[in-house]
Structure formats: C-alpha cells, structure tokens
PDB file of N, CA and C in Angstrom:
ATOM      1  N   UNK A   1      64.915 155.686 179.133  1.00  0.00           N
ATOM      2  CA  UNK A   1      64.223 156.672 178.546  1.00  0.00           C
ATOM      3  C   UNK A   1      63.437 157.634 179.024  1.00  0.00           C
ATOM      4  N   UNK A   2      63.070 157.510 180.189  1.00  0.00           N
ATOM      5  CA  UNK A   2      62.398 158.678 180.891  1.00  0.00           C
ATOM      6  C   UNK A   2      63.419 159.812 181.166  1.00  0.00           C
ATOM      7  N   UNK A   3      64.540 159.442 181.381  1.00  0.00           N
ATOM      8  CA  UNK A   3      65.812 160.582 181.516  1.00  0.00           C
ATOM      9  C   UNK A   3      65.695 161.698 180.467  1.00  0.00           C
ATOM     10  N   UNK A   4      65.889 160.946 179.074  1.00  0.00           N
ATOM     11  CA  UNK A   4      66.071 161.576 177.782  1.00  0.00           C
ATOM     12  C   UNK A   4      64.588 162.433 177.463  1.00  0.00           C
ATOM     13  N   UNK A   5      63.539 161.861 177.978  1.00  0.00           N
ATOM     14  CA  UNK A   5      62.202 162.467 177.703  1.00  0.00           C
ATOM     15  C   UNK A   5      62.026 163.819 178.552  1.00  0.00           C
ATOM     16  N   UNK A   6      62.644 163.551 179.778  1.00  0.00           N
ATOM     17  CA  UNK A   6      62.566 164.759 180.686  1.00  0.00           C
ATOM     18  C   UNK A   6      63.363 165.739 180.235  1.00  0.00           C
ATOM     19  N   UNK A   7      64.668 165.416 179.794  1.00  0.00           N
ATOM     20  CA  UNK A   7      65.702 166.391 179.233  1.00  0.00           C
ATOM     21  C   UNK A   7      65.318 167.117 177.847  1.00  0.00           C
ATOM     22  N   UNK A   8      64.646 166.200 177.051  1.00  0.00           N
ATOM     23  CA  UNK A   8      63.917 166.943 175.933  1.00  0.00           C
ATOM     24  C   UNK A   8      62.846 167.962 176.312  1.00  0.00           C
ATOM     25  N   UNK A   9      62.141 167.318 177.309  1.00  0.00           N
ATOM     26  CA  UNK A   9      60.816 168.359 177.670  1.00  0.00           C
ATOM     27  C   UNK A   9      61.397 169.509 178.072  1.00  0.00           C
ATOM     28  N   UNK A  10      62.285 169.585 179.088  1.00  0.00           N
ATOM     29  CA  UNK A  10      63.117 170.710 179.831  1.00  0.00           C
ATOM     30  C   UNK A  10      63.734 171.520 178.508  1.00  0.00           C
ATOM     31  N   UNK A  11      64.375 170.944 177.571  1.00  0.00           N
ATOM     32  CA  UNK A  11      64.844 171.815 176.539  1.00  0.00           C
ATOM     33  C   UNK A  11      63.757 172.515 175.901  1.00  0.00           C
ATOM     34  N   UNK A  12      62.654 171.795 175.595  1.00  0.00           N
ATOM     35  CA  UNK A  12      61.477 172.523 174.740  1.00  0.00           C
ATOM     36  C   UNK A  12      60.854 173.684 175.708  1.00  0.00           C
ATOM     37  N   UNK A  13      60.774 173.280 176.892  1.00  0.00           N
ATOM     38  CA  UNK A  13      60.267 174.510 177.660  1.00  0.00           C
ATOM     39  C   UNK A  13      61.185 175.770 177.884  1.00  0.00           C
ATOM     40  N   UNK A  14      62.490 175.370 177.905  1.00  0.00           N
ATOM     41  CA  UNK A  14      63.505 176.567 177.738  1.00  0.00           C
ATOM     42  C   UNK A  14      63.419 177.288 176.539  1.00  0.00           C
ATOM     43  N   UNK A  15      63.263 176.441 175.456  1.00  0.00           N
ATOM     44  CA  UNK A  15      63.112 176.932 174.125  1.00  0.00           C
ATOM     45  C   UNK A  15      61.792 177.715 173.907  1.00  0.00           C
ATOM     46  N   UNK A  16      60.900 177.329 174.559  1.00  0.00           N
ATOM     47  CA  UNK A  16      59.434 178.177 174.354  1.00  0.00           C
ATOM     48  C   UNK A  16      59.510 179.303 175.327  1.00  0.00           C
ATOM     49  N   UNK A  17      60.277 179.376 176.436  1.00  0.00           N
ATOM     50  CA  UNK A  17      60.225 180.678 177.051  1.00  0.00           C
ATOM     51  C   UNK A  17      61.395 181.818 176.518  1.00  0.00           C
ATOM     52  N   UNK A  18      62.430 181.165 175.794  1.00  0.00           N
ATOM     53  CA  UNK A  18      63.278 182.211 175.173  1.00  0.00           C
ATOM     54  C   UNK A  18      62.468 182.773 173.901  1.00  0.00           C
ATOM     55  N   UNK A  19      61.695 181.936 172.943  1.00  0.00           N
ATOM     56  CA  UNK A  19      61.022 182.458 172.047  1.00  0.00           C
ATOM     57  C   UNK A  19      59.662 183.307 172.391  1.00  0.00           C
ATOM     58  N   UNK A  20      59.204 183.128 173.669  1.00  0.00           N
ATOM     59  CA  UNK A  20      58.190 183.892 174.042  1.00  0.00           C
ATOM     60  C   UNK A  20      58.875 185.263 174.637  1.00  0.00           C
ATOM     61  N   UNK A  21      59.988 185.255 175.414  1.00  0.00           N
ATOM     62  CA  UNK A  21      60.664 186.338 175.705  1.00  0.00           C
ATOM     63  C   UNK A  21      60.830 187.144 174.407  1.00  0.00           C
ATOM     64  N   UNK A  22      61.608 186.644 173.355  1.00  0.00           N
ATOM     65  CA  UNK A  22      61.765 187.301 172.014  1.00  0.00           C
ATOM     66  C   UNK A  22      60.522 187.865 171.497  1.00  0.00           C
ATOM     67  N   UNK A  23      59.426 187.336 171.483  1.00  0.00           N
ATOM     68  CA  UNK A  23      58.167 187.967 170.889  1.00  0.00           C
ATOM     69  C   UNK A  23      57.745 189.231 171.921  1.00  0.00           C
ATOM     70  N   UNK A  24      57.936 188.903 173.045  1.00  0.00           N
ATOM     71  CA  UNK A  24      57.404 190.082 173.829  1.00  0.00           C
ATOM     72  C   UNK A  24      58.380 191.377 173.627  1.00  0.00           C
ATOM     73  N   UNK A  25      59.568 190.983 173.387  1.00  0.00           N
ATOM     74  CA  UNK A  25      60.389 192.248 173.144  1.00  0.00           C
ATOM     75  C   UNK A  25      60.274 192.921 171.711  1.00  0.00           C
ATOM     76  N   UNK A  26      59.865 192.107 170.718  1.00  0.00           N
ATOM     77  CA  UNK A  26      59.249 192.499 169.614  1.00  0.00           C
ATOM     78  C   UNK A  26      58.310 193.180 169.665  1.00  0.00           C
ATOM     79  N   UNK A  27      57.316 192.801 170.259  1.00  0.00           N
ATOM     80  CA  UNK A  27      55.927 193.315 170.455  1.00  0.00           C
ATOM     81  C   UNK A  27      56.122 194.691 171.230  1.00  0.00           C
ATOM     82  N   UNK A  28      56.867 194.796 172.030  1.00  0.00           N
ATOM     83  CA  UNK A  28      57.232 195.855 172.948  1.00  0.00           C
ATOM     84  C   UNK A  28      57.866 197.267 172.033  1.00  0.00           C
ATOM     85  N   UNK A  29      59.065 196.723 171.392  1.00  0.00           N
ATOM     86  CA  UNK A  29      59.379 197.563 170.134  1.00  0.00           C
ATOM     87  C   UNK A  29      58.280 198.155 169.255  1.00  0.00           C
ATOM     88  N   UNK A  30      57.639 197.303 168.858  1.00  0.00           N
ATOM     89  CA  UNK A  30      56.420 197.709 167.766  1.00  0.00           C
ATOM     90  C   UNK A  30      55.643 198.639 168.678  1.00  0.00           C
ATOM     91  N   UNK A  31      55.163 198.567 169.757  1.00  0.00           N
ATOM     92  CA  UNK A  31      54.120 199.372 170.364  1.00  0.00           C
ATOM     93  C   UNK A  31      54.820 200.759 170.823  1.00  0.00           C
ATOM     94  N   UNK A  32      56.116 200.728 171.008  1.00  0.00           N
ATOM     95  CA  UNK A  32      56.803 201.781 171.419  1.00  0.00           C
ATOM     96  C   UNK A  32      57.038 202.867 170.181  1.00  0.00           C
ATOM     97  N   UNK A  33      57.479 202.066 168.956  1.00  0.00           N
ATOM     98  CA  UNK A  33      57.430 202.851 167.617  1.00  0.00           C
ATOM     99  C   UNK A  33      56.064 203.431 167.462  1.00  0.00           C
ATOM    100  N   UNK A  34      55.039 202.643 167.654  1.00  0.00           N
ATOM    101  CA  UNK A  34      53.618 203.274 167.442  1.00  0.00           C
ATOM    102  C   UNK A  34      53.461 204.276 168.037  1.00  0.00           C
ATOM    103  N   UNK A  35      53.761 204.494 169.583  1.00  0.00           N
ATOM    104  CA  UNK A  35      53.635 205.561 170.421  1.00  0.00           C
ATOM    105  C   UNK A  35      54.174 206.671 169.876  1.00  0.00           C
ATOM    106  N   UNK A  36      55.602 206.322 169.698  1.00  0.00           N
ATOM    107  CA  UNK A  36      56.420 207.542 169.253  1.00  0.00           C
ATOM    108  C   UNK A  36      55.835 208.332 168.090  1.00  0.00           C
ATOM    109  N   UNK A  37      55.513 207.605 167.151  1.00  0.00           N
ATOM    110  CA  UNK A  37      54.745 208.085 165.708  1.00  0.00           C
ATOM    111  C   UNK A  37      53.534 208.841 166.208  1.00  0.00           C
ATOM    112  N   UNK A  38      52.443 208.396 167.260  1.00  0.00           N
ATOM    113  CA  UNK A  38      51.382 208.997 167.489  1.00  0.00           C
ATOM    114  C   UNK A  38      51.710 210.196 168.262  1.00  0.00           C
ATOM    115  N   UNK A  39      52.682 210.157 169.105  1.00  0.00           N
ATOM    116  CA  UNK A  39      53.266 211.293 169.907  1.00  0.00           C
ATOM    117  C   UNK A  39      53.678 212.601 168.895  1.00  0.00           C
ATOM    118  N   UNK A  40      54.353 212.104 168.060  1.00  0.00           N
ATOM    119  CA  UNK A  40      55.078 213.107 167.156  1.00  0.00           C
ATOM    120  C   UNK A  40      53.925 213.541 166.491  1.00  0.00           C
ATOM    121  N   UNK A  41      53.053 212.964 165.803  1.00  0.00           N
ATOM    122  CA  UNK A  41      51.964 213.338 165.105  1.00  0.00           C
ATOM    123  C   UNK A  41      51.072 214.385 165.932  1.00  0.00           C
ATOM    124  N   UNK A  42      50.787 214.105 167.230  1.00  0.00           N
ATOM    125  CA  UNK A  42      49.784 214.898 167.928  1.00  0.00           C
ATOM    126  C   UNK A  42      50.476 216.071 168.866  1.00  0.00           C
ATOM    127  N   UNK A  43      51.707 215.890 168.832  1.00  0.00           N
ATOM    128  CA  UNK A  43      52.485 217.247 169.789  1.00  0.00           C
ATOM    129  C   UNK A  43      52.664 218.308 169.083  1.00  0.00           C
ATOM    130  N   UNK A  44      52.490 218.172 167.651  1.00  0.00           N
ATOM    131  CA  UNK A  44      52.699 219.706 166.865  1.00  0.00           C
ATOM    132  C   UNK A  44      51.597 220.307 167.204  1.00  0.00           C
ATOM    133  N   UNK A  45      50.184 219.666 167.297  1.00  0.00           N
ATOM    134  CA  UNK A  45      49.097 220.555 167.755  1.00  0.00           C
ATOM    135  C   UNK A  45      49.228 221.423 169.204  1.00  0.00           C
ATOM    136  N   UNK A  46      49.929 220.588 170.234  1.00  0.00           N
ATOM    137  CA  UNK A  46      50.290 221.124 171.481  1.00  0.00           C
ATOM    138  C   UNK A  46      51.392 222.220 171.222  1.00  0.00           C
ATOM    139  N   UNK A  47      52.155 222.142 170.649  1.00  0.00           N
ATOM    140  CA  UNK A  47      53.367 223.180 170.183  1.00  0.00           C
ATOM    141  C   UNK A  47      52.521 224.529 169.948  1.00  0.00           C
ATOM    142  N   UNK A  48      51.775 224.222 169.043  1.00  0.00           N
ATOM    143  CA  UNK A  48      50.955 225.724 168.445  1.00  0.00           C
ATOM    144  C   UNK A  48      50.160 226.039 169.553  1.00  0.00           C
ATOM    145  N   UNK A  49      49.487 225.229 170.184  1.00  0.00           N
ATOM    146  CA  UNK A  49      48.568 225.832 171.359  1.00  0.00           C
ATOM    147  C   UNK A  49      49.539 226.527 172.353  1.00  0.00           C
ATOM    148  N   UNK A  50      50.542 225.959 172.658  1.00  0.00           N
ATOM    149  CA  UNK A  50      51.389 226.386 173.768  1.00  0.00           C
ATOM    150  C   UNK A  50      52.279 227.827 173.151  1.00  0.00           C
ATOM    151  N   UNK A  51      52.333 227.988 171.790  1.00  0.00           N
ATOM    152  CA  UNK A  51      52.921 229.025 171.292  1.00  0.00           C
ATOM    153  C   UNK A  51      51.694 230.171 171.307  1.00  0.00           C
ATOM    154  N   UNK A  52      50.660 229.965 171.117  1.00  0.00           N
ATOM    155  CA  UNK A  52      49.511 230.891 170.869  1.00  0.00           C
ATOM    156  C   UNK A  52      49.014 231.516 172.721  1.00  0.00           C
ATOM    157  N   UNK A  53      49.451 230.448 173.537  1.00  0.00           N
ATOM    158  CA  UNK A  53      49.019 230.764 174.873  1.00  0.00           C
ATOM    159  C   UNK A  53      50.345 231.909 175.411  1.00  0.00           C
ATOM    160  N   UNK A  54      51.645 231.452 174.822  1.00  0.00           N
ATOM    161  CA  UNK A  54      52.581 232.529 175.243  1.00  0.00           C
ATOM    162  C   UNK A  54      52.383 233.937 174.592  1.00  0.00           C
ATOM    163  N   UNK A  55      52.089 233.742 173.453  1.00  0.00           N
ATOM    164  CA  UNK A  55      51.601 235.100 172.724  1.00  0.00           C
ATOM    165  C   UNK A  55      50.660 235.675 173.590  1.00  0.00           C
ATOM    166  N   UNK A  56      49.433 235.295 173.838  1.00  0.00           N
ATOM    167  CA  UNK A  56      48.505 235.702 174.611  1.00  0.00           C
ATOM    168  C   UNK A  56      48.911 236.291 175.843  1.00  0.00           C
ATOM    169  N   UNK A  57      49.836 235.585 176.593  1.00  0.00           N
ATOM    170  CA  UNK A  57      50.327 235.843 177.873  1.00  0.00           C
ATOM    171  C   UNK A  57      51.082 237.385 177.748  1.00  0.00           C
ATOM    172  N   UNK A  58      52.054 237.280 176.676  1.00  0.00           N
ATOM    173  CA  UNK A  58      52.829 238.582 176.446  1.00  0.00           C
ATOM    174  C   UNK A  58      52.121 239.779 176.212  1.00  0.00           C
ATOM    175  N   UNK A  59      50.911 239.557 175.537  1.00  0.00           N
ATOM    176  CA  UNK A  59      50.148 240.606 175.149  1.00  0.00           C
ATOM    177  C   UNK A  59      49.369 241.042 176.727  1.00  0.00           C
ATOM    178  N   UNK A  60      48.894 240.241 177.317  1.00  0.00           N
ATOM    179  CA  UNK A  60      48.303 240.612 178.639  1.00  0.00           C
ATOM    180  C   UNK A  60      49.418 241.359 179.541  1.00  0.00           C
ATOM    181  N   UNK A  61      50.584 241.004 179.824  1.00  0.00           N
ATOM    182  CA  UNK A  61      51.689 241.371 180.191  1.00  0.00           C
ATOM    183  C   UNK A  61      51.947 242.861 179.835  1.00  0.00           C
ATOM    184  N   UNK A  62      51.895 242.936 178.752  1.00  0.00           N
ATOM    185  CA  UNK A  62      52.302 244.378 178.033  1.00  0.00           C
ATOM    186  C   UNK A  62      51.238 245.435 178.377  1.00  0.00           C
ATOM    187  N   UNK A  63      49.936 244.880 178.321  1.00  0.00           N
ATOM    188  CA  UNK A  63      48.716 245.516 178.711  1.00  0.00           C
ATOM    189  C   UNK A  63      48.855 245.943 180.220  1.00  0.00           C
ATOM    190  N   UNK A  64      49.147 245.142 181.318  1.00  0.00           N
ATOM    191  CA  UNK A  64      49.031 245.298 182.550  1.00  0.00           C
ATOM    192  C   UNK A  64      50.224 246.244 182.829  1.00  0.00           C
ATOM    193  N   UNK A  65      51.310 246.129 182.126  1.00  0.00           N
ATOM    194  CA  UNK A  65      52.444 247.136 182.396  1.00  0.00           C
ATOM    195  C   UNK A  65      52.017 248.285 181.975  1.00  0.00           C
ATOM    196  N   UNK A  66      51.282 248.399 180.816  1.00  0.00           N
ATOM    197  CA  UNK A  66      51.040 249.919 180.569  1.00  0.00           C
ATOM    198  C   UNK A  66      50.178 250.450 181.318  1.00  0.00           C
ATOM    199  N   UNK A  67      49.128 249.700 182.024  1.00  0.00           N
ATOM    200  CA  UNK A  67      48.155 250.291 182.860  1.00  0.00           C
ATOM    201  C   UNK A  67      48.867 250.818 184.209  1.00  0.00           C
ATOM    202  N   UNK A  68      50.041 249.814 184.609  1.00  0.00           N
ATOM    203  CA  UNK A  68      50.819 250.133 185.788  1.00  0.00           C
ATOM    204  C   UNK A  68      51.643 251.516 185.594  1.00  0.00           C
ATOM    205  N   UNK A  69      52.158 251.675 184.452  1.00  0.00           N
ATOM    206  CA  UNK A  69      52.903 252.789 184.127  1.00  0.00           C
ATOM    207  C   UNK A  69      51.976 254.115 184.339  1.00  0.00           C
ATOM    208  N   UNK A  70      50.814 254.003 183.783  1.00  0.00           N
ATOM    209  CA  UNK A  70      49.909 255.127 183.635  1.00  0.00           C
ATOM    210  C   UNK A  70      49.349 255.580 184.947  1.00  0.00           C
ATOM    211  N   UNK A  71      48.838 254.431 185.735  1.00  0.00           N
ATOM    212  CA  UNK A  71      48.273 254.727 187.247  1.00  0.00           C
ATOM    213  C   UNK A  71      49.203 254.240 188.543  1.00  0.00           C
ATOM    214  N   UNK A  72      50.523 253.853 187.996  1.00  0.00           N
ATOM    215  CA  UNK A  72      51.226 253.363 189.213  1.00  0.00           C
ATOM    216  C   UNK A  72      51.574 254.149 190.360  1.00  0.00           C
ATOM    217  N   UNK A  73      51.699 255.674 189.792  1.00  0.00           N
ATOM    218  CA  UNK A  73      51.947 256.477 190.976  1.00  0.00           C
ATOM    219  C   UNK A  73      50.765 256.662 191.785  1.00  0.00           C
ATOM    220  N   UNK A  74      49.556 256.865 191.272  1.00  0.00           N
ATOM    221  CA  UNK A  74      48.376 256.930 192.062  1.00  0.00           C
ATOM    222  C   UNK A  74      48.185 255.897 192.923  1.00  0.00           C
ATOM    223  N   UNK A  75      48.360 254.692 192.604  1.00  0.00           N
ATOM    224  CA  UNK A  75      48.118 253.519 193.435  1.00  0.00           C
ATOM    225  C   UNK A  75      49.037 253.692 194.802  1.00  0.00           C
ATOM    226  N   UNK A  76      50.423 254.025 194.278  1.00  0.00           N
ATOM    227  CA  UNK A  76      51.224 254.152 195.590  1.00  0.00           C
ATOM    228  C   UNK A  76      51.063 255.282 196.345  1.00  0.00           C
ATOM    229  N   UNK A  77      50.446 256.324 195.740  1.00  0.00           N
ATOM    230  CA  UNK A  77      49.913 257.488 196.704  1.00  0.00           C
ATOM    231  C   UNK A  77      48.725 256.962 197.526  1.00  0.00           C
ATOM    232  N   UNK A  78      47.791 256.301 196.937  1.00  0.00           N
ATOM    233  CA  UNK A  78      46.648 255.804 197.602  1.00  0.00           C
ATOM    234  C   UNK A  78      47.041 254.790 198.941  1.00  0.00           C
ATOM    235  N   UNK A  79      48.105 253.954 198.605  1.00  0.00           N
ATOM    236  CA  UNK A  79      48.469 253.105 199.569  1.00  0.00           C
ATOM    237  C   UNK A  79      49.274 253.778 200.663  1.00  0.00           C
ATOM    238  N   UNK A  80      50.103 254.541 200.421  1.00  0.00           N
ATOM    239  CA  UNK A  80      50.704 255.468 201.659  1.00  0.00           C
ATOM    240  C   UNK A  80      49.787 256.176 202.194  1.00  0.00           C
ATOM    241  N   UNK A  81      48.854 256.673 201.515  1.00  0.00           N
ATOM    242  CA  UNK A  81      47.825 257.596 202.378  1.00  0.00           C
ATOM    243  C   UNK A  81      47.079 256.742 203.261  1.00  0.00           C
ATOM    244  N   UNK A  82      46.539 255.527 203.005  1.00  0.00           N
ATOM    245  CA  UNK A  82      45.870 254.659 203.526  1.00  0.00           C
ATOM    246  C   UNK A  82      46.881 253.922 204.877  1.00  0.00           C
ATOM    247  N   UNK A  83      48.090 253.888 204.722  1.00  0.00           N
ATOM    248  CA  UNK A  83      48.897 253.544 205.655  1.00  0.00           C
ATOM    249  C   UNK A  83      49.459 254.653 206.824  1.00  0.00           C
ATOM    250  N   UNK A  84      49.462 255.745 206.208  1.00  0.00           N
ATOM    251  CA  UNK A  84      49.821 256.978 207.302  1.00  0.00           C
ATOM    252  C   UNK A  84      48.397 257.640 207.810  1.00  0.00           C
ATOM    253  N   UNK A  85      47.479 257.602 207.283  1.00  0.00           N
ATOM    254  CA  UNK A  85      46.344 258.429 207.484  1.00  0.00           C
ATOM    255  C   UNK A  85      45.383 257.392 208.106  1.00  0.00           C
ATOM    256  N   UNK A  86      45.623 256.963 209.300  1.00  0.00           N
ATOM    257  CA  UNK A  86      44.910 255.813 210.177  1.00  0.00           C
ATOM    258  C   UNK A  86      43.660 256.671 210.402  1.00  0.00           C
ATOM    259  N   UNK A  87      42.511 255.958 210.625  1.00  0.00           N
ATOM    260  CA  UNK A  87      41.379 256.419 211.178  1.00  0.00           C
ATOM    261  C   UNK A  87      40.654 255.189 211.981  1.00  0.00           C
ATOM    262  N   UNK A  88      41.006 255.072 213.125  1.00  0.00           N
ATOM    263  CA  UNK A  88      40.476 253.718 213.832  1.00  0.00           C
ATOM    264  C   UNK A  88      39.134 253.884 214.072  1.00  0.00           C
ATOM    265  N   UNK A  89      38.269 252.752 213.942  1.00  0.00           N
ATOM    266  CA  UNK A  89      36.841 252.764 214.064  1.00  0.00           C
ATOM    267  C   UNK A  89      36.585 251.600 214.852  1.00  0.00           C
ATOM    268  N   UNK A  90      35.603 251.621 215.862  1.00  0.00           N
ATOM    269  CA  UNK A  90      35.370 250.518 216.595  1.00  0.00           C
ATOM    270  C   UNK A  90      34.119 249.612 215.956  1.00  0.00           C
ATOM    271  N   UNK A  91      34.426 248.237 215.738  1.00  0.00           N
ATOM    272  CA  UNK A  91      33.501 247.555 215.006  1.00  0.00           C
ATOM    273  C   UNK A  91      32.328 247.439 215.819  1.00  0.00           C
ATOM    274  N   UNK A  92      31.032 247.284 215.077  1.00  0.00           N
ATOM    275  CA  UNK A  92      29.820 247.320 215.603  1.00  0.00           C
ATOM    276  C   UNK A  92      29.482 246.359 216.362  1.00  0.00           C
ATOM    277  N   UNK A  93      30.296 245.083 216.585  1.00  0.00           N
ATOM    278  CA  UNK A  93      29.862 244.002 217.390  1.00  0.00           C
ATOM    279  C   UNK A  93      30.658 244.131 218.727  1.00  0.00           C
ATOM    280  N   UNK A  94      31.497 245.256 218.923  1.00  0.00           N
ATOM    281  CA  UNK A  94      32.111 245.429 220.195  1.00  0.00           C
ATOM    282  C   UNK A  94      31.202 246.445 220.895  1.00  0.00           C
ATOM    283  N   UNK A  95      30.991 245.977 222.437  1.00  0.00           N
ATOM    284  CA  UNK A  95      29.922 246.965 222.996  1.00  0.00           C
ATOM    285  C   UNK A  95      30.759 248.191 223.512  1.00  0.00           C
ATOM    286  N   UNK A  96      30.121 249.387 223.611  1.00  0.00           N
ATOM    287  CA  UNK A  96      30.835 250.464 224.178  1.00  0.00           C
ATOM    288  C   UNK A  96      31.079 250.359 225.769  1.00  0.00           C
ATOM    289  N   UNK A  97      32.056 250.869 226.342  1.00  0.00           N
ATOM    290  CA  UNK A  97      32.325 250.769 227.787  1.00  0.00           C
ATOM    291  C   UNK A  97      31.183 251.389 228.369  1.00  0.00           C
ATOM    292  N   UNK A  98      30.770 250.923 229.648  1.00  0.00           N
ATOM    293  CA  UNK A  98      29.653 251.581 230.175  1.00  0.00           C
ATOM    294  C   UNK A  98      30.083 252.640 231.404  1.00  0.00           C
TER     295      UNK A  98
END
C-alpha cells in the first residue's frame, strides 16, 4: 500500500509543478502584455520630445553655420596671424639669467 501512496504522491507533486509552471507562464505573458501597453502609451510622448529636440538642434546648427559663413574668414585670418606672427614672452615665474 505504501508503494501506491508514494506513486500517487509523486504524481500529485509532478502535476502541481506543471500546474505552477503553467501559471507562471500565464502570469509572465500577462505582465509582458501590460508592459507593452504601458510602453506604447508612454513612448508617444518620448517621440514628440525627440522630434522637438531634433528640430531645435537643426535650428541651432543653421544659426551656427550662418555665423560661420559671416565670420569664418576673419577667424581663419586671426588663427593664421597667431601662428605666423609669433611673439615669445618669458613667463613671470622664470628668473632672468644673471
């Protein structure tokens, strides 16, 4: 009789495990669906913010390019002047030779 009871108990434990596994899978699917719905609902706001940021960036780039076109040659001339017209100066911390 104890062999039959042990087999019955083993079968019930296996059935309980498989039922628990099924419940876990169902719960996981439900939570994934809830997450996808939440993500879909809230991602539309992110897309709008991203579009606004891209638009602002394009405007700033146009502004910077416009300034570069107006003053670019002056900046290049100033850089070339600084490179070619070297005026060495001794730092204040260095002592003069005796």
